[in-house]
Each structure stands twice: as C-alpha cells, then as structure tokens.
Amino acid sequence: MKTIPNNAPSNVAAIDERDPNAGGASHLYGIQYGGPDDVCRIQFQHGARAVEGSTAGVFDDDLLAIVQDRMEAFQAGPFACEENAAALESIKAAREALGVRVARRIKAGVLGVNKAH
C-alpha cells in the first residue's frame, strides 16, 4: 500500500501495486475519511474492457466529472471563490485533454485495448 499526499483531512492510498502490464498505474485506491471502518474504495478499470480476466472499474474522467460538478455547484452558491474557479478551470482542461486522448485512441483503433495510440 502506498500513501498518497493530499490536502484534505483524510488518508488516501493506492492499495494495489502499479501494474506495468496495464498502463503502469495502480487500479485500486482507498480513502479513509473518518474512523478505521470509514473507507471508500475506488476500483479503476484494470485491463482492456470486455476482455476475460479484466476487472471492470471507473475511469479517470468519471472522478473528474464528479469533482467538476461539485466545483460548479460551489461556484454557483455561497462558497464561490478564486481558488474554486482556478480548480474548476484546471479540471475542465484535464477532462478536455482526456477527451482528446480518447479521440486519438478511437482514430487509431485502440480504444478499449491495451495498446498505445
């Protein structure tokens, strides 16, 4: 397990080892947000989609979409501030970059498989 630094009063950790055969990333994370039993597990897609032996999970853009929704709500309410605006713009830029990546992978015919584009 690898602890990941964060700016919140919670503990974040990569639970599994980084997999060099599946993008070089960890695929299972935990966030301890309260007591020892208060843990949220986040399972990312591990392996090519719809391939036997792969583990279904969420994608990076899924989590960014959630955070974007929260930042937009904060900016529309009483917690609007410069920092949230900057975070929101960065999240939008990250999602746009991931969208470009998906488009390139579709064009290269490698979306959903473990191949570089």
PDB file of N, CA and C in Angstrom:
ATOM      1  N   MET A   1       0.846  -1.169   0.000  1.00  0.00           N
ATOM      2  CA  MET A   1       0.000   0.000   0.000  1.00  0.00           C
ATOM      3  C   MET A   1       0.897   1.239   0.000  1.00  0.00           C
ATOM      4  N   LYS A   2       0.518   2.214  -0.824  1.00  0.00           N
ATOM      5  CA  LYS A   2       1.298   3.441  -0.954  1.00  0.00           C
ATOM      6  C   LYS A   2       0.428   4.623  -0.548  1.00  0.00           C
ATOM      7  N   THR A   3       0.852   5.369   0.458  1.00  0.00           N
ATOM      8  CA  THR A   3       0.131   6.565   0.882  1.00  0.00           C
ATOM      9  C   THR A   3       0.347   7.666  -0.144  1.00  0.00           C
ATOM     10  N   ILE A   4      -0.737   8.384  -0.446  1.00  0.00           N
ATOM     11  CA  ILE A   4      -0.693   9.453  -1.434  1.00  0.00           C
ATOM     12  C   ILE A   4      -0.984  10.772  -0.724  1.00  0.00           C
ATOM     13  N   PRO A   5      -0.078  11.742  -0.831  1.00  0.00           N
ATOM     14  CA  PRO A   5      -0.309  13.031  -0.166  1.00  0.00           C
ATOM     15  C   PRO A   5      -1.569  13.709  -0.696  1.00  0.00           C
ATOM     16  N   ASN A   6      -2.301  14.359   0.182  1.00  0.00           N
ATOM     17  CA  ASN A   6      -3.481  15.118  -0.215  1.00  0.00           C
ATOM     18  C   ASN A   6      -3.631  16.328   0.695  1.00  0.00           C
ATOM     19  N   ASN A   7      -4.558  17.207   0.353  1.00  0.00           N
ATOM     20  CA  ASN A   7      -4.777  18.445   1.109  1.00  0.00           C
ATOM     21  C   ASN A   7      -6.049  18.377   1.947  1.00  0.00           C
ATOM     22  N   ALA A   8      -6.580  17.206   2.179  1.00  0.00           N
ATOM     23  CA  ALA A   8      -7.829  17.049   2.920  1.00  0.00           C
ATOM     24  C   ALA A   8      -7.572  16.302   4.225  1.00  0.00           C
ATOM     25  N   PRO A   9      -8.503  16.408   5.172  1.00  0.00           N
ATOM     26  CA  PRO A   9      -8.354  15.675   6.433  1.00  0.00           C
ATOM     27  C   PRO A   9      -8.774  14.212   6.281  1.00  0.00           C
ATOM     28  N   SER A  10      -8.171  13.537   5.347  1.00  0.00           N
ATOM     29  CA  SER A  10      -8.450  12.129   5.072  1.00  0.00           C
ATOM     30  C   SER A  10      -7.138  11.473   4.662  1.00  0.00           C
ATOM     31  N   ASN A  11      -7.165  10.170   4.572  1.00  0.00           N
ATOM     32  CA  ASN A  11      -5.984   9.415   4.137  1.00  0.00           C
ATOM     33  C   ASN A  11      -6.295   8.746   2.815  1.00  0.00           C
ATOM     34  N   VAL A  12      -5.403   8.900   1.845  1.00  0.00           N
ATOM     35  CA  VAL A  12      -5.574   8.303   0.524  1.00  0.00           C
ATOM     36  C   VAL A  12      -4.419   7.341   0.295  1.00  0.00           C
ATOM     37  N   ALA A  13      -4.746   6.160  -0.248  1.00  0.00           N
ATOM     38  CA  ALA A  13      -3.692   5.176  -0.504  1.00  0.00           C
ATOM     39  C   ALA A  13      -4.008   4.370  -1.752  1.00  0.00           C
ATOM     40  N   ALA A  14      -2.952   4.042  -2.485  1.00  0.00           N
ATOM     41  CA  ALA A  14      -3.059   3.056  -3.561  1.00  0.00           C
ATOM     42  C   ALA A  14      -2.942   1.702  -2.870  1.00  0.00           C
ATOM     43  N   ILE A  15      -3.949   0.872  -3.013  1.00  0.00           N
ATOM     44  CA  ILE A  15      -3.986  -0.401  -2.298  1.00  0.00           C
ATOM     45  C   ILE A  15      -3.203  -1.477  -3.035  1.00  0.00           C
ATOM     46  N   ASP A  16      -3.259  -1.447  -4.360  1.00  0.00           N
ATOM     47  CA  ASP A  16      -2.532  -2.455  -5.139  1.00  0.00           C
ATOM     48  C   ASP A  16      -1.224  -1.870  -5.662  1.00  0.00           C
ATOM     49  N   GLU A  17      -0.402  -2.732  -6.200  1.00  0.00           N
ATOM     50  CA  GLU A  17       0.867  -2.310  -6.792  1.00  0.00           C
ATOM     51  C   GLU A  17       0.600  -1.771  -8.193  1.00  0.00           C
ATOM     52  N   ARG A  18       1.442  -0.872  -8.647  1.00  0.00           N
ATOM     53  CA  ARG A  18       1.345  -0.410 -10.027  1.00  0.00           C
ATOM     54  C   ARG A  18       1.611  -1.578 -10.958  1.00  0.00           C
ATOM     55  N   ASP A  19       0.801  -1.706 -11.997  1.00  0.00           N
ATOM     56  CA  ASP A  19       0.885  -2.841 -12.910  1.00  0.00           C
ATOM     57  C   ASP A  19       1.534  -2.415 -14.228  1.00  0.00           C
ATOM     58  N   PRO A  20       2.785  -2.826 -14.462  1.00  0.00           N
ATOM     59  CA  PRO A  20       3.464  -2.430 -15.697  1.00  0.00           C
ATOM     60  C   PRO A  20       2.800  -3.017 -16.948  1.00  0.00           C
ATOM     61  N   ASN A  21       1.977  -4.043 -16.788  1.00  0.00           N
ATOM     62  CA  ASN A  21       1.297  -4.658 -17.925  1.00  0.00           C
ATOM     63  C   ASN A  21      -0.063  -4.038 -18.215  1.00  0.00           C
ATOM     64  N   ALA A  22      -0.475  -3.079 -17.392  1.00  0.00           N
ATOM     65  CA  ALA A  22      -1.780  -2.436 -17.579  1.00  0.00           C
ATOM     66  C   ALA A  22      -1.645  -0.931 -17.363  1.00  0.00           C
ATOM     67  N   GLY A  23      -0.769  -0.314 -18.126  1.00  0.00           N
ATOM     68  CA  GLY A  23      -0.623   1.133 -18.080  1.00  0.00           C
ATOM     69  C   GLY A  23       0.355   1.655 -17.050  1.00  0.00           C
ATOM     70  N   GLY A  24       0.865   0.794 -16.194  1.00  0.00           N
ATOM     71  CA  GLY A  24       1.834   1.219 -15.193  1.00  0.00           C
ATOM     72  C   GLY A  24       1.231   1.918 -13.993  1.00  0.00           C
ATOM     73  N   ALA A  25      -0.078   1.849 -13.835  1.00  0.00           N
ATOM     74  CA  ALA A  25      -0.746   2.557 -12.739  1.00  0.00           C
ATOM     75  C   ALA A  25      -1.335   1.575 -11.731  1.00  0.00           C
ATOM     76  N   SER A  26      -1.625   2.096 -10.557  1.00  0.00           N
ATOM     77  CA  SER A  26      -2.424   1.335  -9.594  1.00  0.00           C
ATOM     78  C   SER A  26      -3.868   1.379 -10.072  1.00  0.00           C
ATOM     79  N   HIS A  27      -4.663   0.430  -9.626  1.00  0.00           N
ATOM     80  CA  HIS A  27      -6.049   0.351 -10.071  1.00  0.00           C
ATOM     81  C   HIS A  27      -7.044   0.303  -8.923  1.00  0.00           C
ATOM     82  N   LEU A  28      -6.561   0.186  -7.699  1.00  0.00           N
ATOM     83  CA  LEU A  28      -7.440   0.133  -6.535  1.00  0.00           C
ATOM     84  C   LEU A  28      -6.930   1.111  -5.488  1.00  0.00           C
ATOM     85  N   TYR A  29      -7.799   2.022  -5.087  1.00  0.00           N
ATOM     86  CA  TYR A  29      -7.452   3.057  -4.122  1.00  0.00           C
ATOM     87  C   TYR A  29      -8.429   3.024  -2.963  1.00  0.00           C
ATOM     88  N   GLY A  30      -7.984   3.532  -1.846  1.00  0.00           N
ATOM     89  CA  GLY A  30      -8.841   3.664  -0.683  1.00  0.00           C
ATOM     90  C   GLY A  30      -8.714   5.058  -0.118  1.00  0.00           C
ATOM     91  N   ILE A  31      -9.841   5.577   0.368  1.00  0.00           N
ATOM     92  CA  ILE A  31      -9.852   6.873   1.043  1.00  0.00           C
ATOM     93  C   ILE A  31     -10.463   6.648   2.412  1.00  0.00           C
ATOM     94  N   GLN A  32      -9.676   6.872   3.458  1.00  0.00           N
ATOM     95  CA  GLN A  32     -10.179   6.780   4.827  1.00  0.00           C
ATOM     96  C   GLN A  32     -10.613   8.181   5.230  1.00  0.00           C
ATOM     97  N   TYR A  33     -11.911   8.370   5.437  1.00  0.00           N
ATOM     98  CA  TYR A  33     -12.450   9.706   5.660  1.00  0.00           C
ATOM     99  C   TYR A  33     -12.990   9.919   7.064  1.00  0.00           C
ATOM    100  N   GLY A  34     -12.876   8.940   7.919  1.00  0.00           N
ATOM    101  CA  GLY A  34     -13.360   9.059   9.298  1.00  0.00           C
ATOM    102  C   GLY A  34     -12.588   8.082  10.154  1.00  0.00           C
ATOM    103  N   GLY A  35     -13.339   7.250  10.850  1.00  0.00           N
ATOM    104  CA  GLY A  35     -12.708   6.222  11.672  1.00  0.00           C
ATOM    105  C   GLY A  35     -12.133   5.107  10.825  1.00  0.00           C
ATOM    106  N   PRO A  36     -11.560   4.089  11.472  1.00  0.00           N
ATOM    107  CA  PRO A  36     -10.899   2.996  10.750  1.00  0.00           C
ATOM    108  C   PRO A  36     -11.810   2.237   9.779  1.00  0.00           C
ATOM    109  N   ASP A  37     -13.106   2.223  10.044  1.00  0.00           N
ATOM    110  CA  ASP A  37     -14.039   1.500   9.166  1.00  0.00           C
ATOM    111  C   ASP A  37     -14.655   2.386   8.092  1.00  0.00           C
ATOM    112  N   ASP A  38     -14.346   3.668   8.112  1.00  0.00           N
ATOM    113  CA  ASP A  38     -14.908   4.615   7.143  1.00  0.00           C
ATOM    114  C   ASP A  38     -13.967   4.737   5.948  1.00  0.00           C
ATOM    115  N   VAL A  39     -14.084   3.777   5.042  1.00  0.00           N
ATOM    116  CA  VAL A  39     -13.187   3.720   3.889  1.00  0.00           C
ATOM    117  C   VAL A  39     -14.015   3.593   2.613  1.00  0.00           C
ATOM    118  N   CYS A  40     -13.693   4.432   1.659  1.00  0.00           N
ATOM    119  CA  CYS A  40     -14.292   4.363   0.332  1.00  0.00           C
ATOM    120  C   CYS A  40     -13.255   3.732  -0.589  1.00  0.00           C
ATOM    121  N   ARG A  41     -13.641   2.660  -1.264  1.00  0.00           N
ATOM    122  CA  ARG A  41     -12.738   2.015  -2.221  1.00  0.00           C
ATOM    123  C   ARG A  41     -13.106   2.478  -3.621  1.00  0.00           C
ATOM    124  N   ILE A  42     -12.091   2.764  -4.415  1.00  0.00           N
ATOM    125  CA  ILE A  42     -12.305   3.165  -5.801  1.00  0.00           C
ATOM    126  C   ILE A  42     -11.540   2.193  -6.688  1.00  0.00           C
ATOM    127  N   GLN A  43     -12.294   1.444  -7.471  1.00  0.00           N
ATOM    128  CA  GLN A  43     -11.716   0.465  -8.387  1.00  0.00           C
ATOM    129  C   GLN A  43     -11.700   1.057  -9.791  1.00  0.00           C
ATOM    130  N   PHE A  44     -10.512   1.228 -10.346  1.00  0.00           N
ATOM    131  CA  PHE A  44     -10.380   1.683 -11.728  1.00  0.00           C
ATOM    132  C   PHE A  44     -10.368   0.475 -12.654  1.00  0.00           C
ATOM    133  N   GLN A  45     -10.746   0.716 -13.905  1.00  0.00           N
ATOM    134  CA  GLN A  45     -10.661  -0.317 -14.931  1.00  0.00           C
ATOM    135  C   GLN A  45      -9.249  -0.892 -14.917  1.00  0.00           C
ATOM    136  N   HIS A  46      -9.154  -2.201 -14.897  1.00  0.00           N
ATOM    137  CA  HIS A  46      -7.833  -2.861 -14.878  1.00  0.00           C
ATOM    138  C   HIS A  46      -7.814  -3.892 -15.989  1.00  0.00           C
ATOM    139  N   GLY A  47      -7.136  -3.539 -17.043  1.00  0.00           N
ATOM    140  CA  GLY A  47      -7.103  -4.398 -18.225  1.00  0.00           C
ATOM    141  C   GLY A  47      -8.044  -3.857 -19.282  1.00  0.00           C
ATOM    142  N   ALA A  48      -7.942  -4.431 -20.451  1.00  0.00           N
ATOM    143  CA  ALA A  48      -8.783  -3.994 -21.565  1.00  0.00           C
ATOM    144  C   ALA A  48     -10.244  -4.305 -21.268  1.00  0.00           C
ATOM    145  N   ARG A  49     -11.111  -3.403 -21.695  1.00  0.00           N
ATOM    146  CA  ARG A  49     -12.545  -3.608 -21.470  1.00  0.00           C
ATOM    147  C   ARG A  49     -13.037  -4.835 -22.225  1.00  0.00           C
ATOM    148  N   ALA A  50     -14.005  -5.521 -21.622  1.00  0.00           N
ATOM    149  CA  ALA A  50     -14.668  -6.674 -22.241  1.00  0.00           C
ATOM    150  C   ALA A  50     -13.708  -7.805 -22.587  1.00  0.00           C
ATOM    151  N   VAL A  51     -12.604  -7.892 -21.861  1.00  0.00           N
ATOM    152  CA  VAL A  51     -11.655  -8.977 -22.071  1.00  0.00           C
ATOM    153  C   VAL A  51     -11.657  -9.840 -20.815  1.00  0.00           C
ATOM    154  N   GLU A  52     -11.724 -11.146 -21.004  1.00  0.00           N
ATOM    155  CA  GLU A  52     -11.730 -12.061 -19.863  1.00  0.00           C
ATOM    156  C   GLU A  52     -10.483 -11.823 -19.007  1.00  0.00           C
ATOM    157  N   GLY A  53     -10.697 -11.766 -17.704  1.00  0.00           N
ATOM    158  CA  GLY A  53      -9.602 -11.537 -16.775  1.00  0.00           C
ATOM    159  C   GLY A  53      -9.427 -10.077 -16.379  1.00  0.00           C
ATOM    160  N   SER A  54     -10.084  -9.164 -17.088  1.00  0.00           N
ATOM    161  CA  SER A  54     -10.030  -7.750 -16.733  1.00  0.00           C
ATOM    162  C   SER A  54     -10.979  -7.472 -15.573  1.00  0.00           C
ATOM    163  N   THR A  55     -10.667  -6.431 -14.822  1.00  0.00           N
ATOM    164  CA  THR A  55     -11.527  -6.002 -13.725  1.00  0.00           C
ATOM    165  C   THR A  55     -12.222  -4.722 -14.139  1.00  0.00           C
ATOM    166  N   ALA A  56     -13.547  -4.755 -14.157  1.00  0.00           N
ATOM    167  CA  ALA A  56     -14.306  -3.558 -14.513  1.00  0.00           C
ATOM    168  C   ALA A  56     -14.153  -2.511 -13.425  1.00  0.00           C
ATOM    169  N   GLY A  57     -14.107  -1.264 -13.841  1.00  0.00           N
ATOM    170  CA  GLY A  57     -13.989  -0.193 -12.866  1.00  0.00           C
ATOM    171  C   GLY A  57     -14.267   1.151 -13.493  1.00  0.00           C
ATOM    172  N   VAL A  58     -14.100   2.183 -12.696  1.00  0.00           N
ATOM    173  CA  VAL A  58     -14.341   3.542 -13.154  1.00  0.00           C
ATOM    174  C   VAL A  58     -13.133   4.037 -13.943  1.00  0.00           C
ATOM    175  N   PHE A  59     -13.334   5.167 -14.601  1.00  0.00           N
ATOM    176  CA  PHE A  59     -12.281   5.790 -15.393  1.00  0.00           C
ATOM    177  C   PHE A  59     -11.912   7.131 -14.771  1.00  0.00           C
ATOM    178  N   ASP A  60     -10.733   7.643 -15.109  1.00  0.00           N
ATOM    179  CA  ASP A  60     -10.269   8.919 -14.574  1.00  0.00           C
ATOM    180  C   ASP A  60     -11.304  10.020 -14.797  1.00  0.00           C
ATOM    181  N   ASP A  61     -11.872  10.079 -15.996  1.00  0.00           N
ATOM    182  CA  ASP A  61     -12.832  11.131 -16.319  1.00  0.00           C
ATOM    183  C   ASP A  61     -14.083  11.042 -15.453  1.00  0.00           C
ATOM    184  N   ASP A  62     -14.455   9.849 -14.991  1.00  0.00           N
ATOM    185  CA  ASP A  62     -15.611   9.710 -14.104  1.00  0.00           C
ATOM    186  C   ASP A  62     -15.411  10.524 -12.829  1.00  0.00           C
ATOM    187  N   LEU A  63     -14.240  10.384 -12.232  1.00  0.00           N
ATOM    188  CA  LEU A  63     -13.968  11.108 -10.985  1.00  0.00           C
ATOM    189  C   LEU A  63     -13.830  12.603 -11.238  1.00  0.00           C
ATOM    190  N   LEU A  64     -13.198  12.969 -12.348  1.00  0.00           N
ATOM    191  CA  LEU A  64     -13.089  14.388 -12.678  1.00  0.00           C
ATOM    192  C   LEU A  64     -14.470  15.002 -12.923  1.00  0.00           C
ATOM    193  N   ALA A  65     -15.383  14.261 -13.536  1.00  0.00           N
ATOM    194  CA  ALA A  65     -16.740  14.756 -13.772  1.00  0.00           C
ATOM    195  C   ALA A  65     -17.453  15.038 -12.450  1.00  0.00           C
ATOM    196  N   ILE A  66     -17.253  14.176 -11.467  1.00  0.00           N
ATOM    197  CA  ILE A  66     -17.862  14.381 -10.148  1.00  0.00           C
ATOM    198  C   ILE A  66     -17.299  15.646  -9.503  1.00  0.00           C
ATOM    199  N   VAL A  67     -15.990  15.805  -9.522  1.00  0.00           N
ATOM    200  CA  VAL A  67     -15.366  16.976  -8.908  1.00  0.00           C
ATOM    201  C   VAL A  67     -15.771  18.246  -9.668  1.00  0.00           C
ATOM    202  N   GLN A  68     -15.866  18.168 -10.992  1.00  0.00           N
ATOM    203  CA  GLN A  68     -16.313  19.319 -11.765  1.00  0.00           C
ATOM    204  C   GLN A  68     -17.720  19.725 -11.344  1.00  0.00           C
ATOM    205  N   ASP A  69     -18.611  18.761 -11.192  1.00  0.00           N
ATOM    206  CA  ASP A  69     -19.984  19.049 -10.780  1.00  0.00           C
ATOM    207  C   ASP A  69     -20.006  19.749  -9.420  1.00  0.00           C
ATOM    208  N   ARG A  70     -19.196  19.276  -8.491  1.00  0.00           N
ATOM    209  CA  ARG A  70     -19.138  19.888  -7.162  1.00  0.00           C
ATOM    210  C   ARG A  70     -18.598  21.316  -7.231  1.00  0.00           C
ATOM    211  N   MET A  71     -17.536  21.532  -8.004  1.00  0.00           N
ATOM    212  CA  MET A  71     -16.952  22.871  -8.108  1.00  0.00           C
ATOM    213  C   MET A  71     -17.933  23.839  -8.771  1.00  0.00           C
ATOM    214  N   GLU A  72     -18.651  23.375  -9.788  1.00  0.00           N
ATOM    215  CA  GLU A  72     -19.649  24.237 -10.436  1.00  0.00           C
ATOM    216  C   GLU A  72     -20.755  24.611  -9.452  1.00  0.00           C
ATOM    217  N   ALA A  73     -21.162  23.659  -8.619  1.00  0.00           N
ATOM    218  CA  ALA A  73     -22.185  23.954  -7.617  1.00  0.00           C
ATOM    219  C   ALA A  73     -21.670  24.946  -6.582  1.00  0.00           C
ATOM    220  N   PHE A  74     -20.436  24.752  -6.125  1.00  0.00           N
ATOM    221  CA  PHE A  74     -19.859  25.697  -5.165  1.00  0.00           C
ATOM    222  C   PHE A  74     -19.770  27.095  -5.776  1.00  0.00           C
ATOM    223  N   GLN A  75     -19.365  27.169  -7.041  1.00  0.00           N
ATOM    224  CA  GLN A  75     -19.219  28.465  -7.694  1.00  0.00           C
ATOM    225  C   GLN A  75     -20.571  29.143  -7.928  1.00  0.00           C
ATOM    226  N   ALA A  76     -21.641  28.378  -7.969  1.00  0.00           N
ATOM    227  CA  ALA A  76     -22.980  28.939  -8.149  1.00  0.00           C
ATOM    228  C   ALA A  76     -23.634  29.287  -6.813  1.00  0.00           C
ATOM    229  N   GLY A  77     -22.954  28.972  -5.723  1.00  0.00           N
ATOM    230  CA  GLY A  77     -23.534  29.180  -4.402  1.00  0.00           C
ATOM    231  C   GLY A  77     -22.687  30.092  -3.536  1.00  0.00           C
ATOM    232  N   PRO A  78     -22.901  29.994  -2.240  1.00  0.00           N
ATOM    233  CA  PRO A  78     -22.220  30.906  -1.306  1.00  0.00           C
ATOM    234  C   PRO A  78     -20.729  30.622  -1.108  1.00  0.00           C
ATOM    235  N   PHE A  79     -20.201  29.540  -1.679  1.00  0.00           N
ATOM    236  CA  PHE A  79     -18.786  29.218  -1.492  1.00  0.00           C
ATOM    237  C   PHE A  79     -17.929  29.537  -2.713  1.00  0.00           C
ATOM    238  N   ALA A  80     -18.452  30.366  -3.614  1.00  0.00           N
ATOM    239  CA  ALA A  80     -17.678  30.769  -4.790  1.00  0.00           C
ATOM    240  C   ALA A  80     -16.425  31.524  -4.340  1.00  0.00           C
ATOM    241  N   CYS A  81     -15.296  31.212  -4.997  1.00  0.00           N
ATOM    242  CA  CYS A  81     -14.043  31.893  -4.661  1.00  0.00           C
ATOM    243  C   CYS A  81     -13.043  31.694  -5.801  1.00  0.00           C
ATOM    244  N   GLU A  82     -11.955  32.461  -5.741  1.00  0.00           N
ATOM    245  CA  GLU A  82     -10.911  32.392  -6.768  1.00  0.00           C
ATOM    246  C   GLU A  82     -10.307  30.995  -6.864  1.00  0.00           C
ATOM    247  N   GLU A  83     -10.082  30.390  -5.711  1.00  0.00           N
ATOM    248  CA  GLU A  83      -9.433  29.072  -5.692  1.00  0.00           C
ATOM    249  C   GLU A  83     -10.311  28.008  -6.357  1.00  0.00           C
ATOM    250  N   ASN A  84     -11.612  28.035  -6.058  1.00  0.00           N
ATOM    251  CA  ASN A  84     -12.521  27.082  -6.698  1.00  0.00           C
ATOM    252  C   ASN A  84     -12.588  27.324  -8.207  1.00  0.00           C
ATOM    253  N   ALA A  85     -12.588  28.605  -8.604  1.00  0.00           N
ATOM    254  CA  ALA A  85     -12.616  28.930 -10.033  1.00  0.00           C
ATOM    255  C   ALA A  85     -11.377  28.379 -10.731  1.00  0.00           C
ATOM    256  N   ALA A  86     -10.214  28.548 -10.103  1.00  0.00           N
ATOM    257  CA  ALA A  86      -8.968  28.036 -10.693  1.00  0.00           C
ATOM    258  C   ALA A  86      -9.001  26.512 -10.763  1.00  0.00           C
ATOM    259  N   ALA A  87      -9.472  25.878  -9.698  1.00  0.00           N
ATOM    260  CA  ALA A  87      -9.574  24.410  -9.691  1.00  0.00           C
ATOM    261  C   ALA A  87     -10.525  23.945 -10.789  1.00  0.00           C
ATOM    262  N   LEU A  88     -11.651  24.622 -10.927  1.00  0.00           N
ATOM    263  CA  LEU A  88     -12.642  24.245 -11.937  1.00  0.00           C
ATOM    264  C   LEU A  88     -12.054  24.340 -13.343  1.00  0.00           C
ATOM    265  N   GLU A  89     -11.330  25.403 -13.630  1.00  0.00           N
ATOM    266  CA  GLU A  89     -10.724  25.540 -14.955  1.00  0.00           C
ATOM    267  C   GLU A  89      -9.691  24.445 -15.211  1.00  0.00           C
ATOM    268  N   SER A  90      -8.933  24.089 -14.199  1.00  0.00           N
ATOM    269  CA  SER A  90      -7.941  23.018 -14.345  1.00  0.00           C
ATOM    270  C   SER A  90      -8.610  21.668 -14.577  1.00  0.00           C
ATOM    271  N   ILE A  91      -9.695  21.427 -13.879  1.00  0.00           N
ATOM    272  CA  ILE A  91     -10.437  20.174 -14.058  1.00  0.00           C
ATOM    273  C   ILE A  91     -10.999  20.099 -15.476  1.00  0.00           C
ATOM    274  N   LYS A  92     -11.561  21.209 -15.953  1.00  0.00           N
ATOM    275  CA  LYS A  92     -12.083  21.244 -17.320  1.00  0.00           C
ATOM    276  C   LYS A  92     -10.967  20.982 -18.332  1.00  0.00           C
ATOM    277  N   ALA A  93      -9.792  21.565 -18.097  1.00  0.00           N
ATOM    278  CA  ALA A  93      -8.659  21.348 -19.003  1.00  0.00           C
ATOM    279  C   ALA A  93      -8.221  19.890 -18.984  1.00  0.00           C
ATOM    280  N   ALA A  94      -8.206  19.284 -17.809  1.00  0.00           N
ATOM    281  CA  ALA A  94      -7.832  17.868 -17.693  1.00  0.00           C
ATOM    282  C   ALA A  94      -8.832  16.996 -18.448  1.00  0.00           C
ATOM    283  N   ARG A  95     -10.127  17.286 -18.298  1.00  0.00           N
ATOM    284  CA  ARG A  95     -11.151  16.494 -18.985  1.00  0.00           C
ATOM    285  C   ARG A  95     -11.046  16.672 -20.496  1.00  0.00           C
ATOM    286  N   GLU A  96     -10.737  17.883 -20.934  1.00  0.00           N
ATOM    287  CA  GLU A  96     -10.578  18.118 -22.365  1.00  0.00           C
ATOM    288  C   GLU A  96      -9.397  17.318 -22.912  1.00  0.00           C
ATOM    289  N   ALA A  97      -8.279  17.318 -22.182  1.00  0.00           N
ATOM    290  CA  ALA A  97      -7.106  16.551 -22.611  1.00  0.00           C
ATOM    291  C   ALA A  97      -7.423  15.060 -22.676  1.00  0.00           C
ATOM    292  N   LEU A  98      -8.155  14.559 -21.706  1.00  0.00           N
ATOM    293  CA  LEU A  98      -8.532  13.138 -21.735  1.00  0.00           C
ATOM    294  C   LEU A  98      -9.467  12.848 -22.904  1.00  0.00           C
ATOM    295  N   GLY A  99     -10.333  13.805 -23.235  1.00  0.00           N
ATOM    296  CA  GLY A  99     -11.221  13.638 -24.391  1.00  0.00           C
ATOM    297  C   GLY A  99     -10.438  13.569 -25.697  1.00  0.00           C
ATOM    298  N   VAL A 100      -9.401  14.397 -25.816  1.00  0.00           N
ATOM    299  CA  VAL A 100      -8.529  14.362 -26.995  1.00  0.00           C
ATOM    300  C   VAL A 100      -7.845  12.995 -27.077  1.00  0.00           C
ATOM    301  N   ARG A 101      -7.401  12.503 -25.926  1.00  0.00           N
ATOM    302  CA  ARG A 101      -6.754  11.182 -25.889  1.00  0.00           C
ATOM    303  C   ARG A 101      -7.709  10.098 -26.381  1.00  0.00           C
ATOM    304  N   VAL A 102      -8.957  10.132 -25.924  1.00  0.00           N
ATOM    305  CA  VAL A 102      -9.953   9.149 -26.359  1.00  0.00           C
ATOM    306  C   VAL A 102     -10.152   9.237 -27.869  1.00  0.00           C
ATOM    307  N   ALA A 103     -10.277  10.453 -28.382  1.00  0.00           N
ATOM    308  CA  ALA A 103     -10.465  10.627 -29.834  1.00  0.00           C
ATOM    309  C   ALA A 103      -9.285  10.054 -30.612  1.00  0.00           C
ATOM    310  N   ARG A 104      -8.066  10.281 -30.126  1.00  0.00           N
ATOM    311  CA  ARG A 104      -6.879   9.726 -30.801  1.00  0.00           C
ATOM    312  C   ARG A 104      -6.894   8.205 -30.749  1.00  0.00           C
ATOM    313  N   ARG A 105      -7.324   7.648 -29.620  1.00  0.00           N
ATOM    314  CA  ARG A 105      -7.366   6.187 -29.489  1.00  0.00           C
ATOM    315  C   ARG A 105      -8.433   5.592 -30.404  1.00  0.00           C
ATOM    316  N   ILE A 106      -9.566   6.271 -30.529  1.00  0.00           N
ATOM    317  CA  ILE A 106     -10.607   5.802 -31.453  1.00  0.00           C
ATOM    318  C   ILE A 106     -10.065   5.817 -32.876  1.00  0.00           C
ATOM    319  N   LYS A 107      -9.444   6.934 -33.261  1.00  0.00           N
ATOM    320  CA  LYS A 107      -8.893   7.066 -34.623  1.00  0.00           C
ATOM    321  C   LYS A 107      -7.847   5.992 -34.897  1.00  0.00           C
ATOM    322  N   ALA A 108      -7.045   5.651 -33.889  1.00  0.00           N
ATOM    323  CA  ALA A 108      -6.002   4.633 -34.057  1.00  0.00           C
ATOM    324  C   ALA A 108      -6.550   3.211 -33.933  1.00  0.00           C
ATOM    325  N   GLY A 109      -7.828   3.073 -33.568  1.00  0.00           N
ATOM    326  CA  GLY A 109      -8.431   1.750 -33.430  1.00  0.00           C
ATOM    327  C   GLY A 109      -7.969   0.984 -32.195  1.00  0.00           C
ATOM    328  N   VAL A 110      -7.560   1.715 -31.146  1.00  0.00           N
ATOM    329  CA  VAL A 110      -7.058   1.039 -29.948  1.00  0.00           C
ATOM    330  C   VAL A 110      -7.840   1.383 -28.687  1.00  0.00           C
ATOM    331  N   LEU A 111      -8.998   2.042 -28.822  1.00  0.00           N
ATOM    332  CA  LEU A 111      -9.789   2.330 -27.634  1.00  0.00           C
ATOM    333  C   LEU A 111     -10.325   1.027 -27.044  1.00  0.00           C
ATOM    334  N   GLY A 112     -10.096   0.841 -25.754  1.00  0.00           N
ATOM    335  CA  GLY A 112     -10.588  -0.359 -25.077  1.00  0.00           C
ATOM    336  C   GLY A 112      -9.631  -1.535 -25.109  1.00  0.00           C
ATOM    337  N   VAL A 113      -8.432  -1.333 -25.641  1.00  0.00           N
ATOM    338  CA  VAL A 113      -7.434  -2.399 -25.660  1.00  0.00           C
ATOM    339  C   VAL A 113      -6.125  -1.862 -25.070  1.00  0.00           C
ATOM    340  N   ASN A 114      -5.292  -2.757 -24.615  1.00  0.00           N
ATOM    341  CA  ASN A 114      -4.016  -2.354 -24.011  1.00  0.00           C
ATOM    342  C   ASN A 114      -2.941  -2.143 -25.078  1.00  0.00           C
ATOM    343  N   LYS A 115      -3.103  -1.089 -25.846  1.00  0.00           N
ATOM    344  CA  LYS A 115      -2.136  -0.701 -26.858  1.00  0.00           C
ATOM    345  C   LYS A 115      -1.995   0.808 -26.835  1.00  0.00           C
ATOM    346  N   ALA A 116      -0.804   1.300 -27.119  1.00  0.00           N
ATOM    347  CA  ALA A 116      -0.584   2.738 -27.191  1.00  0.00           C
ATOM    348  C   ALA A 116      -1.195   3.290 -28.474  1.00  0.00           C
ATOM    349  N   HIS A 117      -1.532   4.562 -28.450  1.00  0.00           N
ATOM    350  CA  HIS A 117      -2.051   5.219 -29.662  1.00  0.00           C
ATOM    351  C   HIS A 117      -0.961   6.028 -30.313  1.00  0.00           C
TER     352      HIS A 117
END
